[in-house]
Amino acid sequence: MMRAIDKGLVNSRIGIVLVTPAMLRRLPAEGVADKELSALLRRERLVPVVHGTTYEELEQVSLLLASRAGLSTAEEPMVEVAKKIAELVDT
């Protein structure tokens, strides 16, 4: 499984990270998600999508991820967030 994840990360053009309260609770455990996140943070095209939480709460867990420009469902309707993600993926 880890090899398949590595291959997917190498071949990806963009990384989208859905930041939820559950993700914030799991991230400090340093599991597979932590390793994937570390790999994505090295890339220039990482987009966090904050849903059900805030950038301030994200900063408490990952300053690097919180420093990335991203999208928030608290600031925009999900439909608009989805449109912006589709535009990013299409480029």
PDB file of N, CA and C in Angstrom:
ATOM      1  N   MET A   1       0.817  -1.192   0.000  1.00  0.00           N
ATOM      2  CA  MET A   1       0.000   0.000   0.000  1.00  0.00           C
ATOM      3  C   MET A   1       0.866   1.264   0.000  1.00  0.00           C
ATOM      4  N   MET A   2       1.916   1.282   0.803  1.00  0.00           N
ATOM      5  CA  MET A   2       2.770   2.465   0.871  1.00  0.00           C
ATOM      6  C   MET A   2       3.407   2.762  -0.482  1.00  0.00           C
ATOM      7  N   ARG A   3       3.784   1.722  -1.217  1.00  0.00           N
ATOM      8  CA  ARG A   3       4.386   1.923  -2.544  1.00  0.00           C
ATOM      9  C   ARG A   3       3.376   2.565  -3.493  1.00  0.00           C
ATOM     10  N   ALA A   4       2.132   2.140  -3.439  1.00  0.00           N
ATOM     11  CA  ALA A   4       1.077   2.718  -4.280  1.00  0.00           C
ATOM     12  C   ALA A   4       0.849   4.186  -3.920  1.00  0.00           C
ATOM     13  N   ILE A   5       0.890   4.495  -2.642  1.00  0.00           N
ATOM     14  CA  ILE A   5       0.747   5.882  -2.194  1.00  0.00           C
ATOM     15  C   ILE A   5       1.915   6.711  -2.713  1.00  0.00           C
ATOM     16  N   ASP A   6       3.138   6.190  -2.586  1.00  0.00           N
ATOM     17  CA  ASP A   6       4.318   6.904  -3.094  1.00  0.00           C
ATOM     18  C   ASP A   6       4.191   7.197  -4.582  1.00  0.00           C
ATOM     19  N   LYS A   7       3.774   6.201  -5.332  1.00  0.00           N
ATOM     20  CA  LYS A   7       3.627   6.363  -6.778  1.00  0.00           C
ATOM     21  C   LYS A   7       2.593   7.440  -7.097  1.00  0.00           C
ATOM     22  N   GLY A   8       1.496   7.411  -6.392  1.00  0.00           N
ATOM     23  CA  GLY A   8       0.464   8.423  -6.603  1.00  0.00           C
ATOM     24  C   GLY A   8       0.945   9.819  -6.289  1.00  0.00           C
ATOM     25  N   LEU A   9       1.715   9.965  -5.213  1.00  0.00           N
ATOM     26  CA  LEU A   9       2.249  11.278  -4.846  1.00  0.00           C
ATOM     27  C   LEU A   9       3.235  11.795  -5.883  1.00  0.00           C
ATOM     28  N   VAL A  10       4.080  10.904  -6.397  1.00  0.00           N
ATOM     29  CA  VAL A  10       5.068  11.295  -7.407  1.00  0.00           C
ATOM     30  C   VAL A  10       4.378  11.773  -8.675  1.00  0.00           C
ATOM     31  N   ASN A  11       3.293  11.117  -9.059  1.00  0.00           N
ATOM     32  CA  ASN A  11       2.621  11.423 -10.318  1.00  0.00           C
ATOM     33  C   ASN A  11       1.545  12.498 -10.216  1.00  0.00           C
ATOM     34  N   SER A  12       1.297  13.014  -9.035  1.00  0.00           N
ATOM     35  CA  SER A  12       0.232  14.003  -8.870  1.00  0.00           C
ATOM     36  C   SER A  12       0.671  15.393  -9.331  1.00  0.00           C
ATOM     37  N   ARG A  13      -0.272  16.124  -9.892  1.00  0.00           N
ATOM     38  CA  ARG A  13      -0.020  17.506 -10.303  1.00  0.00           C
ATOM     39  C   ARG A  13      -0.432  18.487  -9.217  1.00  0.00           C
ATOM     40  N   ILE A  14      -1.366  18.070  -8.375  1.00  0.00           N
ATOM     41  CA  ILE A  14      -1.869  18.933  -7.313  1.00  0.00           C
ATOM     42  C   ILE A  14      -2.241  18.056  -6.122  1.00  0.00           C
ATOM     43  N   GLY A  15      -2.075  18.597  -4.959  1.00  0.00           N
ATOM     44  CA  GLY A  15      -2.482  17.892  -3.750  1.00  0.00           C
ATOM     45  C   GLY A  15      -3.572  18.682  -3.051  1.00  0.00           C
ATOM     46  N   ILE A  16      -4.676  18.036  -2.781  1.00  0.00           N
ATOM     47  CA  ILE A  16      -5.782  18.671  -2.066  1.00  0.00           C
ATOM     48  C   ILE A  16      -5.937  17.960  -0.732  1.00  0.00           C
ATOM     49  N   VAL A  17      -5.857  18.722   0.333  1.00  0.00           N
ATOM     50  CA  VAL A  17      -5.964  18.162   1.677  1.00  0.00           C
ATOM     51  C   VAL A  17      -7.238  18.690   2.318  1.00  0.00           C
ATOM     52  N   LEU A  18      -8.154  17.797   2.615  1.00  0.00           N
ATOM     53  CA  LEU A  18      -9.384  18.181   3.299  1.00  0.00           C
ATOM     54  C   LEU A  18      -9.087  18.217   4.800  1.00  0.00           C
ATOM     55  N   VAL A  19      -9.116  19.410   5.342  1.00  0.00           N
ATOM     56  CA  VAL A  19      -8.799  19.616   6.757  1.00  0.00           C
ATOM     57  C   VAL A  19     -10.113  19.646   7.536  1.00  0.00           C
ATOM     58  N   THR A  20     -10.336  18.603   8.318  1.00  0.00           N
ATOM     59  CA  THR A  20     -11.546  18.479   9.131  1.00  0.00           C
ATOM     60  C   THR A  20     -11.131  18.326  10.598  1.00  0.00           C
ATOM     61  N   PRO A  21     -12.064  18.444  11.523  1.00  0.00           N
ATOM     62  CA  PRO A  21     -11.717  18.204  12.918  1.00  0.00           C
ATOM     63  C   PRO A  21     -11.105  16.813  13.138  1.00  0.00           C
ATOM     64  N   ALA A  22     -11.612  15.804  12.433  1.00  0.00           N
ATOM     65  CA  ALA A  22     -11.059  14.447  12.568  1.00  0.00           C
ATOM     66  C   ALA A  22      -9.617  14.400  12.092  1.00  0.00           C
ATOM     67  N   MET A  23      -9.300  15.076  11.010  1.00  0.00           N
ATOM     68  CA  MET A  23      -7.922  15.100  10.511  1.00  0.00           C
ATOM     69  C   MET A  23      -6.999  15.785  11.523  1.00  0.00           C
ATOM     70  N   LEU A  24      -7.473  16.861  12.119  1.00  0.00           N
ATOM     71  CA  LEU A  24      -6.655  17.567  13.106  1.00  0.00           C
ATOM     72  C   LEU A  24      -6.373  16.683  14.325  1.00  0.00           C
ATOM     73  N   ARG A  25      -7.320  15.830  14.694  1.00  0.00           N
ATOM     74  CA  ARG A  25      -7.100  14.924  15.831  1.00  0.00           C
ATOM     75  C   ARG A  25      -6.100  13.822  15.470  1.00  0.00           C
ATOM     76  N   ARG A  26      -6.151  13.339  14.232  1.00  0.00           N
ATOM     77  CA  ARG A  26      -5.289  12.215  13.819  1.00  0.00           C
ATOM     78  C   ARG A  26      -3.873  12.627  13.447  1.00  0.00           C
ATOM     79  N   LEU A  27      -3.700  13.827  12.961  1.00  0.00           N
ATOM     80  CA  LEU A  27      -2.403  14.251  12.439  1.00  0.00           C
ATOM     81  C   LEU A  27      -1.252  14.116  13.438  1.00  0.00           C
ATOM     82  N   PRO A  28      -1.429  14.484  14.690  1.00  0.00           N
ATOM     83  CA  PRO A  28      -0.310  14.325  15.636  1.00  0.00           C
ATOM     84  C   PRO A  28       0.133  12.876  15.858  1.00  0.00           C
ATOM     85  N   ALA A  29      -0.684  11.905  15.486  1.00  0.00           N
ATOM     86  CA  ALA A  29      -0.332  10.500  15.687  1.00  0.00           C
ATOM     87  C   ALA A  29       0.747  10.017  14.721  1.00  0.00           C
ATOM     88  N   GLU A  30       1.057  10.820  13.700  1.00  0.00           N
ATOM     89  CA  GLU A  30       2.123  10.516  12.742  1.00  0.00           C
ATOM     90  C   GLU A  30       1.933   9.183  12.043  1.00  0.00           C
ATOM     91  N   GLY A  31       0.752   8.966  11.513  1.00  0.00           N
ATOM     92  CA  GLY A  31       0.481   7.752  10.743  1.00  0.00           C
ATOM     93  C   GLY A  31       0.722   7.978   9.267  1.00  0.00           C
ATOM     94  N   VAL A  32       0.028   7.213   8.446  1.00  0.00           N
ATOM     95  CA  VAL A  32       0.168   7.315   6.989  1.00  0.00           C
ATOM     96  C   VAL A  32      -0.200   8.725   6.530  1.00  0.00           C
ATOM     97  N   ALA A  33      -1.266   9.296   7.072  1.00  0.00           N
ATOM     98  CA  ALA A  33      -1.687  10.634   6.660  1.00  0.00           C
ATOM     99  C   ALA A  33      -0.588  11.662   6.905  1.00  0.00           C
ATOM    100  N   ASP A  34       0.134  11.524   7.999  1.00  0.00           N
ATOM    101  CA  ASP A  34       1.228  12.436   8.298  1.00  0.00           C
ATOM    102  C   ASP A  34       2.332  12.320   7.251  1.00  0.00           C
ATOM    103  N   LYS A  35       2.654  11.109   6.830  1.00  0.00           N
ATOM    104  CA  LYS A  35       3.685  10.899   5.818  1.00  0.00           C
ATOM    105  C   LYS A  35       3.251  11.468   4.476  1.00  0.00           C
ATOM    106  N   GLU A  36       1.988  11.255   4.100  1.00  0.00           N
ATOM    107  CA  GLU A  36       1.472  11.820   2.858  1.00  0.00           C
ATOM    108  C   GLU A  36       1.508  13.335   2.915  1.00  0.00           C
ATOM    109  N   LEU A  37       1.098  13.901   4.024  1.00  0.00           N
ATOM    110  CA  LEU A  37       1.092  15.349   4.176  1.00  0.00           C
ATOM    111  C   LEU A  37       2.503  15.911   4.062  1.00  0.00           C
ATOM    112  N   SER A  38       3.462  15.258   4.679  1.00  0.00           N
ATOM    113  CA  SER A  38       4.855  15.709   4.580  1.00  0.00           C
ATOM    114  C   SER A  38       5.324  15.739   3.133  1.00  0.00           C
ATOM    115  N   ALA A  39       4.973  14.702   2.371  1.00  0.00           N
ATOM    116  CA  ALA A  39       5.367  14.647   0.963  1.00  0.00           C
ATOM    117  C   ALA A  39       4.686  15.758   0.172  1.00  0.00           C
ATOM    118  N   LEU A  40       3.411  15.995   0.439  1.00  0.00           N
ATOM    119  CA  LEU A  40       2.681  17.037  -0.278  1.00  0.00           C
ATOM    120  C   LEU A  40       3.179  18.436   0.070  1.00  0.00           C
ATOM    121  N   LEU A  41       3.612  18.635   1.312  1.00  0.00           N
ATOM    122  CA  LEU A  41       4.095  19.952   1.713  1.00  0.00           C
ATOM    123  C   LEU A  41       5.359  20.353   0.953  1.00  0.00           C
ATOM    124  N   ARG A  42       6.089  19.387   0.458  1.00  0.00           N
ATOM    125  CA  ARG A  42       7.279  19.688  -0.340  1.00  0.00           C
ATOM    126  C   ARG A  42       6.925  20.207  -1.726  1.00  0.00           C
ATOM    127  N   ARG A  43       5.708  19.940  -2.164  1.00  0.00           N
ATOM    128  CA  ARG A  43       5.266  20.340  -3.494  1.00  0.00           C
ATOM    129  C   ARG A  43       4.723  21.761  -3.462  1.00  0.00           C
ATOM    130  N   GLU A  44       4.791  22.440  -4.570  1.00  0.00           N
ATOM    131  CA  GLU A  44       4.302  23.813  -4.646  1.00  0.00           C
ATOM    132  C   GLU A  44       2.780  23.899  -4.779  1.00  0.00           C
ATOM    133  N   ARG A  45       2.147  22.839  -5.236  1.00  0.00           N
ATOM    134  CA  ARG A  45       0.718  22.909  -5.522  1.00  0.00           C
ATOM    135  C   ARG A  45      -0.103  22.117  -4.515  1.00  0.00           C
ATOM    136  N   LEU A  46      -0.004  22.502  -3.282  1.00  0.00           N
ATOM    137  CA  LEU A  46      -0.796  21.884  -2.220  1.00  0.00           C
ATOM    138  C   LEU A  46      -1.888  22.859  -1.805  1.00  0.00           C
ATOM    139  N   VAL A  47      -3.123  22.400  -1.798  1.00  0.00           N
ATOM    140  CA  VAL A  47      -4.256  23.258  -1.476  1.00  0.00           C
ATOM    141  C   VAL A  47      -5.030  22.667  -0.299  1.00  0.00           C
ATOM    142  N   PRO A  48      -4.961  23.308   0.863  1.00  0.00           N
ATOM    143  CA  PRO A  48      -5.797  22.845   1.968  1.00  0.00           C
ATOM    144  C   PRO A  48      -7.229  23.354   1.796  1.00  0.00           C
ATOM    145  N   VAL A  49      -8.192  22.500   2.069  1.00  0.00           N
ATOM    146  CA  VAL A  49      -9.604  22.881   2.073  1.00  0.00           C
ATOM    147  C   VAL A  49     -10.090  22.676   3.503  1.00  0.00           C
ATOM    148  N   VAL A  50     -10.337  23.766   4.181  1.00  0.00           N
ATOM    149  CA  VAL A  50     -10.729  23.732   5.592  1.00  0.00           C
ATOM    150  C   VAL A  50     -12.250  23.610   5.675  1.00  0.00           C
ATOM    151  N   HIS A  51     -12.709  22.547   6.360  1.00  0.00           N
ATOM    152  CA  HIS A  51     -14.147  22.280   6.465  1.00  0.00           C
ATOM    153  C   HIS A  51     -14.480  21.847   7.894  1.00  0.00           C
ATOM    154  N   GLY A  52     -15.345  22.596   8.529  1.00  0.00           N
ATOM    155  CA  GLY A  52     -15.768  22.240   9.886  1.00  0.00           C
ATOM    156  C   GLY A  52     -14.764  22.626  10.957  1.00  0.00           C
ATOM    157  N   THR A  53     -13.768  23.382  10.570  1.00  0.00           N
ATOM    158  CA  THR A  53     -12.755  23.863  11.501  1.00  0.00           C
ATOM    159  C   THR A  53     -12.246  25.201  10.974  1.00  0.00           C
ATOM    160  N   THR A  54     -11.179  25.720  11.556  1.00  0.00           N
ATOM    161  CA  THR A  54     -10.667  27.024  11.142  1.00  0.00           C
ATOM    162  C   THR A  54      -9.160  26.949  10.890  1.00  0.00           C
ATOM    163  N   TYR A  55      -8.657  27.962  10.192  1.00  0.00           N
ATOM    164  CA  TYR A  55      -7.216  28.028   9.989  1.00  0.00           C
ATOM    165  C   TYR A  55      -6.487  28.210  11.324  1.00  0.00           C
ATOM    166  N   GLU A  56      -7.117  28.878  12.275  1.00  0.00           N
ATOM    167  CA  GLU A  56      -6.493  29.059  13.590  1.00  0.00           C
ATOM    168  C   GLU A  56      -6.297  27.705  14.285  1.00  0.00           C
ATOM    169  N   GLU A  57      -7.301  26.831  14.189  1.00  0.00           N
ATOM    170  CA  GLU A  57      -7.161  25.492  14.776  1.00  0.00           C
ATOM    171  C   GLU A  57      -6.120  24.673  14.023  1.00  0.00           C
ATOM    172  N   LEU A  58      -6.065  24.843  12.714  1.00  0.00           N
ATOM    173  CA  LEU A  58      -5.054  24.152  11.914  1.00  0.00           C
ATOM    174  C   LEU A  58      -3.653  24.593  12.308  1.00  0.00           C
ATOM    175  N   GLU A  59      -3.468  25.878  12.576  1.00  0.00           N
ATOM    176  CA  GLU A  59      -2.157  26.390  13.000  1.00  0.00           C
ATOM    177  C   GLU A  59      -1.647  25.692  14.254  1.00  0.00           C
ATOM    178  N   GLN A  60      -2.555  25.277  15.135  1.00  0.00           N
ATOM    179  CA  GLN A  60      -2.155  24.599  16.371  1.00  0.00           C
ATOM    180  C   GLN A  60      -1.562  23.221  16.103  1.00  0.00           C
ATOM    181  N   VAL A  61      -1.873  22.640  14.928  1.00  0.00           N
ATOM    182  CA  VAL A  61      -1.417  21.296  14.582  1.00  0.00           C
ATOM    183  C   VAL A  61      -0.324  21.324  13.521  1.00  0.00           C
ATOM    184  N   SER A  62      -0.461  22.212  12.531  1.00  0.00           N
ATOM    185  CA  SER A  62       0.509  22.264  11.432  1.00  0.00           C
ATOM    186  C   SER A  62       0.646  23.685  10.900  1.00  0.00           C
ATOM    187  N   LEU A  63       1.679  24.359  11.348  1.00  0.00           N
ATOM    188  CA  LEU A  63       1.938  25.715  10.852  1.00  0.00           C
ATOM    189  C   LEU A  63       2.239  25.710   9.356  1.00  0.00           C
ATOM    190  N   LEU A  64       2.943  24.685   8.886  1.00  0.00           N
ATOM    191  CA  LEU A  64       3.280  24.624   7.464  1.00  0.00           C
ATOM    192  C   LEU A  64       2.028  24.514   6.603  1.00  0.00           C
ATOM    193  N   LEU A  65       1.119  23.652   6.965  1.00  0.00           N
ATOM    194  CA  LEU A  65      -0.104  23.504   6.188  1.00  0.00           C
ATOM    195  C   LEU A  65      -0.966  24.755   6.297  1.00  0.00           C
ATOM    196  N   ALA A  66      -1.055  25.329   7.474  1.00  0.00           N
ATOM    197  CA  ALA A  66      -1.863  26.537   7.673  1.00  0.00           C
ATOM    198  C   ALA A  66      -1.302  27.729   6.906  1.00  0.00           C
ATOM    199  N   SER A  67      -0.015  27.696   6.601  1.00  0.00           N
ATOM    200  CA  SER A  67       0.591  28.817   5.879  1.00  0.00           C
ATOM    201  C   SER A  67       0.290  28.787   4.386  1.00  0.00           C
ATOM    202  N   ARG A  68      -0.251  27.683   3.888  1.00  0.00           N
ATOM    203  CA  ARG A  68      -0.582  27.562   2.471  1.00  0.00           C
ATOM    204  C   ARG A  68      -1.898  28.261   2.169  1.00  0.00           C
ATOM    205  N   ALA A  69      -1.952  28.929   1.025  1.00  0.00           N
ATOM    206  CA  ALA A  69      -3.206  29.520   0.580  1.00  0.00           C
ATOM    207  C   ALA A  69      -4.170  28.381   0.278  1.00  0.00           C
ATOM    208  N   GLY A  70      -5.373  28.501   0.744  1.00  0.00           N
ATOM    209  CA  GLY A  70      -6.337  27.430   0.536  1.00  0.00           C
ATOM    210  C   GLY A  70      -7.752  27.951   0.470  1.00  0.00           C
ATOM    211  N   LEU A  71      -8.669  27.073   0.707  1.00  0.00           N
ATOM    212  CA  LEU A  71     -10.085  27.382   0.625  1.00  0.00           C
ATOM    213  C   LEU A  71     -10.754  27.015   1.945  1.00  0.00           C
ATOM    214  N   SER A  72     -11.844  27.700   2.243  1.00  0.00           N
ATOM    215  CA  SER A  72     -12.566  27.432   3.477  1.00  0.00           C
ATOM    216  C   SER A  72     -14.057  27.400   3.198  1.00  0.00           C
ATOM    217  N   THR A  73     -14.721  26.333   3.622  1.00  0.00           N
ATOM    218  CA  THR A  73     -16.163  26.240   3.423  1.00  0.00           C
ATOM    219  C   THR A  73     -16.927  27.167   4.368  1.00  0.00           C
ATOM    220  N   ALA A  74     -16.251  27.740   5.347  1.00  0.00           N
ATOM    221  CA  ALA A  74     -16.891  28.733   6.218  1.00  0.00           C
ATOM    222  C   ALA A  74     -16.945  30.087   5.522  1.00  0.00           C
ATOM    223  N   GLU A  75     -16.035  30.308   4.580  1.00  0.00           N
ATOM    224  CA  GLU A  75     -15.971  31.584   3.869  1.00  0.00           C
ATOM    225  C   GLU A  75     -16.708  31.553   2.534  1.00  0.00           C
ATOM    226  N   GLU A  76     -16.831  30.369   1.940  1.00  0.00           N
ATOM    227  CA  GLU A  76     -17.486  30.236   0.646  1.00  0.00           C
ATOM    228  C   GLU A  76     -18.371  28.996   0.657  1.00  0.00           C
ATOM    229  N   PRO A  77     -19.469  29.033  -0.095  1.00  0.00           N
ATOM    230  CA  PRO A  77     -20.307  27.830  -0.180  1.00  0.00           C
ATOM    231  C   PRO A  77     -19.521  26.678  -0.811  1.00  0.00           C
ATOM    232  N   MET A  78     -19.880  25.463  -0.454  1.00  0.00           N
ATOM    233  CA  MET A  78     -19.198  24.277  -0.967  1.00  0.00           C
ATOM    234  C   MET A  78     -19.190  24.245  -2.496  1.00  0.00           C
ATOM    235  N   VAL A  79     -20.247  24.732  -3.121  1.00  0.00           N
ATOM    236  CA  VAL A  79     -20.318  24.750  -4.588  1.00  0.00           C
ATOM    237  C   VAL A  79     -19.180  25.597  -5.155  1.00  0.00           C
ATOM    238  N   GLU A  80     -18.906  26.737  -4.550  1.00  0.00           N
ATOM    239  CA  GLU A  80     -17.824  27.610  -5.022  1.00  0.00           C
ATOM    240  C   GLU A  80     -16.459  26.968  -4.767  1.00  0.00           C
ATOM    241  N   VAL A  81     -16.314  26.334  -3.617  1.00  0.00           N
ATOM    242  CA  VAL A  81     -15.063  25.628  -3.312  1.00  0.00           C
ATOM    243  C   VAL A  81     -14.827  24.535  -4.347  1.00  0.00           C
ATOM    244  N   ALA A  82     -15.865  23.785  -4.674  1.00  0.00           N
ATOM    245  CA  ALA A  82     -15.744  22.714  -5.672  1.00  0.00           C
ATOM    246  C   ALA A  82     -15.366  23.269  -7.040  1.00  0.00           C
ATOM    247  N   LYS A  83     -15.947  24.400  -7.431  1.00  0.00           N
ATOM    248  CA  LYS A  83     -15.609  25.027  -8.713  1.00  0.00           C
ATOM    249  C   LYS A  83     -14.134  25.425  -8.746  1.00  0.00           C
ATOM    250  N   LYS A  84     -13.640  26.004  -7.665  1.00  0.00           N
ATOM    251  CA  LYS A  84     -12.242  26.428  -7.610  1.00  0.00           C
ATOM    252  C   LYS A  84     -11.300  25.228  -7.655  1.00  0.00           C
ATOM    253  N   ILE A  85     -11.676  24.149  -6.985  1.00  0.00           N
ATOM    254  CA  ILE A  85     -10.855  22.935  -7.042  1.00  0.00           C
ATOM    255  C   ILE A  85     -10.843  22.404  -8.459  1.00  0.00           C
ATOM    256  N   ALA A  86     -11.988  22.393  -9.125  1.00  0.00           N
ATOM    257  CA  ALA A  86     -12.058  21.908 -10.515  1.00  0.00           C
ATOM    258  C   ALA A  86     -11.161  22.761 -11.420  1.00  0.00           C
ATOM    259  N   GLU A  87     -11.130  24.057 -11.222  1.00  0.00           N
ATOM    260  CA  GLU A  87     -10.262  24.932 -12.008  1.00  0.00           C
ATOM    261  C   GLU A  87      -8.790  24.609 -11.759  1.00  0.00           C
ATOM    262  N   LEU A  88      -8.431  24.379 -10.515  1.00  0.00           N
ATOM    263  CA  LEU A  88      -7.046  24.052 -10.182  1.00  0.00           C
ATOM    264  C   LEU A  88      -6.617  22.729 -10.804  1.00  0.00           C
ATOM    265  N   VAL A  89      -7.489  21.756 -10.751  1.00  0.00           N
ATOM    266  CA  VAL A  89      -7.185  20.432 -11.286  1.00  0.00           C
ATOM    267  C   VAL A  89      -7.082  20.467 -12.804  1.00  0.00           C
ATOM    268  N   ASP A  90      -7.863  21.338 -13.419  1.00  0.00           N
ATOM    269  CA  ASP A  90      -7.910  21.433 -14.878  1.00  0.00           C
ATOM    270  C   ASP A  90      -6.689  22.124 -15.469  1.00  0.00           C
ATOM    271  N   THR A  91      -5.928  22.860 -14.666  1.00  0.00           N
ATOM    272  CA  THR A  91      -4.772  23.593 -15.203  1.00  0.00           C
ATOM    273  C   THR A  91      -3.562  22.719 -15.354  1.00  0.00           C
TER     274      THR A  91
END
